[in-house]
Amino acid sequence: MGAERRKGERVTFERGYSAHMMGIDGTWRRDCTMEDVSEHGAKLTVEGSIEGLHLKEFFLLLSSTGLAYRRCELAWVNGDQIGVNFLNLNDKKKKAARRNGVTADA
């Protein structure tokens, strides 16, 4: 394996934590198991194929009611496992501001 790229402390689940992935537009959903998690991201084992799914941005549903969730972007794929980075609303605003030539302090 390559060099460790993770930021921050990770919590590893002995048996994994059942969760669901869902497209931002709600057109797809997959069961998954969260293998580990940090403040910035997680490693998931996905049930079923991820081929053809729009994984640039999606939701990771952490509760059966969908009230606990994180907005994610795909970081890497290795077989049935994927790495995700958690997105914050503030991150999206900063990226949009940089694209438009506005500084974050403006």
Protein backbone atom coordinates (compact mmCIF):
# COMPACT_ATOMS: atom_id res chain seq x y z
CA MET A 1 0.00 0.00 0.00
CA GLY A 2 1.05 3.63 -0.48
CA ALA A 3 1.81 6.27 2.10
CA GLU A 4 -0.83 7.12 4.66
CA ARG A 5 -2.89 10.08 3.37
CA ARG A 6 -5.48 10.28 6.13
CA LYS A 7 -5.91 13.37 8.25
CA GLY A 8 -6.89 13.05 11.91
CA GLU A 9 -7.73 10.18 14.18
CA ARG A 10 -9.76 7.22 12.87
CA VAL A 11 -12.24 5.06 14.73
CA THR A 12 -12.34 1.49 13.41
CA PHE A 13 -15.50 -0.56 13.96
CA GLU A 14 -14.87 -4.20 14.89
CA ARG A 15 -17.93 -5.43 12.98
CA GLY A 16 -18.61 -2.35 10.87
CA TYR A 17 -21.56 0.01 11.13
CA SER A 18 -24.56 -0.52 8.81
CA ALA A 19 -25.37 2.53 6.71
CA HIS A 20 -26.77 3.49 3.30
CA MET A 21 -25.49 5.54 0.40
CA MET A 22 -27.97 7.61 -1.60
CA GLY A 23 -27.60 9.81 -4.66
CA ILE A 24 -27.99 13.55 -4.13
CA ASP A 25 -31.03 13.44 -6.43
CA GLY A 26 -32.45 10.33 -4.71
CA THR A 27 -32.33 8.19 -7.87
CA TRP A 28 -30.18 5.43 -6.35
CA ARG A 29 -29.44 3.83 -2.98
CA ARG A 30 -26.98 1.14 -1.81
CA ASP A 31 -26.47 -0.62 1.50
CA CYS A 32 -22.96 -0.26 2.87
CA THR A 33 -20.89 -0.93 5.96
CA MET A 34 -18.77 1.81 7.48
CA GLU A 35 -15.44 0.18 8.36
CA ASP A 36 -13.82 3.26 9.89
CA VAL A 37 -14.52 6.95 10.27
CA SER A 38 -12.75 10.20 11.11
CA GLU A 39 -13.77 13.83 11.30
CA HIS A 40 -12.96 14.21 7.60
CA GLY A 41 -14.04 10.93 5.97
CA ALA A 42 -14.73 7.21 6.10
CA LYS A 43 -13.99 3.85 4.51
CA LEU A 44 -17.09 1.99 3.26
CA THR A 45 -17.71 -1.50 1.98
CA VAL A 46 -20.48 -1.26 -0.60
CA GLU A 47 -23.05 -4.01 -1.24
CA GLY A 48 -23.76 -4.44 -4.94
CA SER A 49 -22.15 -2.74 -7.88
CA ILE A 50 -21.18 0.93 -7.87
CA GLU A 51 -20.75 0.92 -11.64
CA GLY A 52 -22.78 3.66 -13.29
CA LEU A 53 -23.56 5.49 -10.03
CA HIS A 54 -22.83 9.21 -9.79
CA LEU A 55 -20.39 9.16 -6.87
CA LYS A 56 -18.88 12.62 -7.28
CA GLU A 57 -21.27 13.70 -4.53
CA PHE A 58 -23.77 11.64 -2.52
CA PHE A 59 -25.29 11.20 0.93
CA LEU A 60 -24.15 8.68 3.54
CA LEU A 61 -27.25 7.91 5.61
CA LEU A 62 -26.30 6.90 9.15
CA SER A 63 -29.77 6.29 10.59
CA SER A 64 -32.76 4.29 9.39
CA THR A 65 -34.89 7.46 9.27
CA GLY A 66 -32.28 9.41 7.29
CA LEU A 67 -32.11 12.14 9.93
CA ALA A 68 -28.39 11.52 10.55
CA TYR A 69 -26.38 11.86 7.36
CA ARG A 70 -23.20 13.27 5.84
CA ARG A 71 -22.71 14.71 2.38
CA CYS A 72 -19.75 12.93 0.75
CA GLU A 73 -17.48 12.91 -2.25
CA LEU A 74 -15.61 9.88 -3.57
CA ALA A 75 -11.89 9.80 -2.70
CA TRP A 76 -10.83 6.34 -3.92
CA VAL A 77 -12.12 2.91 -5.00
CA ASN A 78 -10.56 -0.50 -4.27
CA GLY A 79 -12.87 -3.36 -5.27
CA ASP A 80 -16.00 -3.19 -3.11
CA GLN A 81 -14.43 -0.65 -0.74
CA ILE A 82 -14.47 3.11 -1.24
CA GLY A 83 -13.00 6.03 0.63
CA VAL A 84 -15.11 9.15 1.05
CA ASN A 85 -14.42 12.70 2.14
CA PHE A 86 -17.11 14.47 4.12
CA LEU A 87 -18.27 17.78 2.62
CA ASN A 88 -19.42 20.82 4.56
CA LEU A 89 -21.68 23.54 3.20
CA ASN A 90 -18.89 26.03 4.02
CA ASP A 91 -16.42 24.01 1.88
CA LYS A 92 -18.71 24.35 -1.15
CA LYS A 93 -19.06 28.12 -0.60
CA LYS A 94 -15.26 28.53 -0.35
CA LYS A 95 -14.68 26.50 -3.54
CA ALA A 96 -17.32 28.54 -5.42
CA ALA A 97 -15.78 31.79 -4.17
CA ARG A 98 -12.31 30.72 -5.35
CA ARG A 99 -13.75 29.80 -8.78
CA ASN A 100 -15.33 33.25 -9.01
CA GLY A 101 -12.15 35.06 -7.92
CA VAL A 102 -13.51 36.12 -4.52
CA THR A 103 -11.37 35.58 -1.44
CA ALA A 104 -12.82 33.73 1.54
CA ASP A 105 -12.41 36.87 3.70
CA ALA A 106 -14.46 39.08 1.36
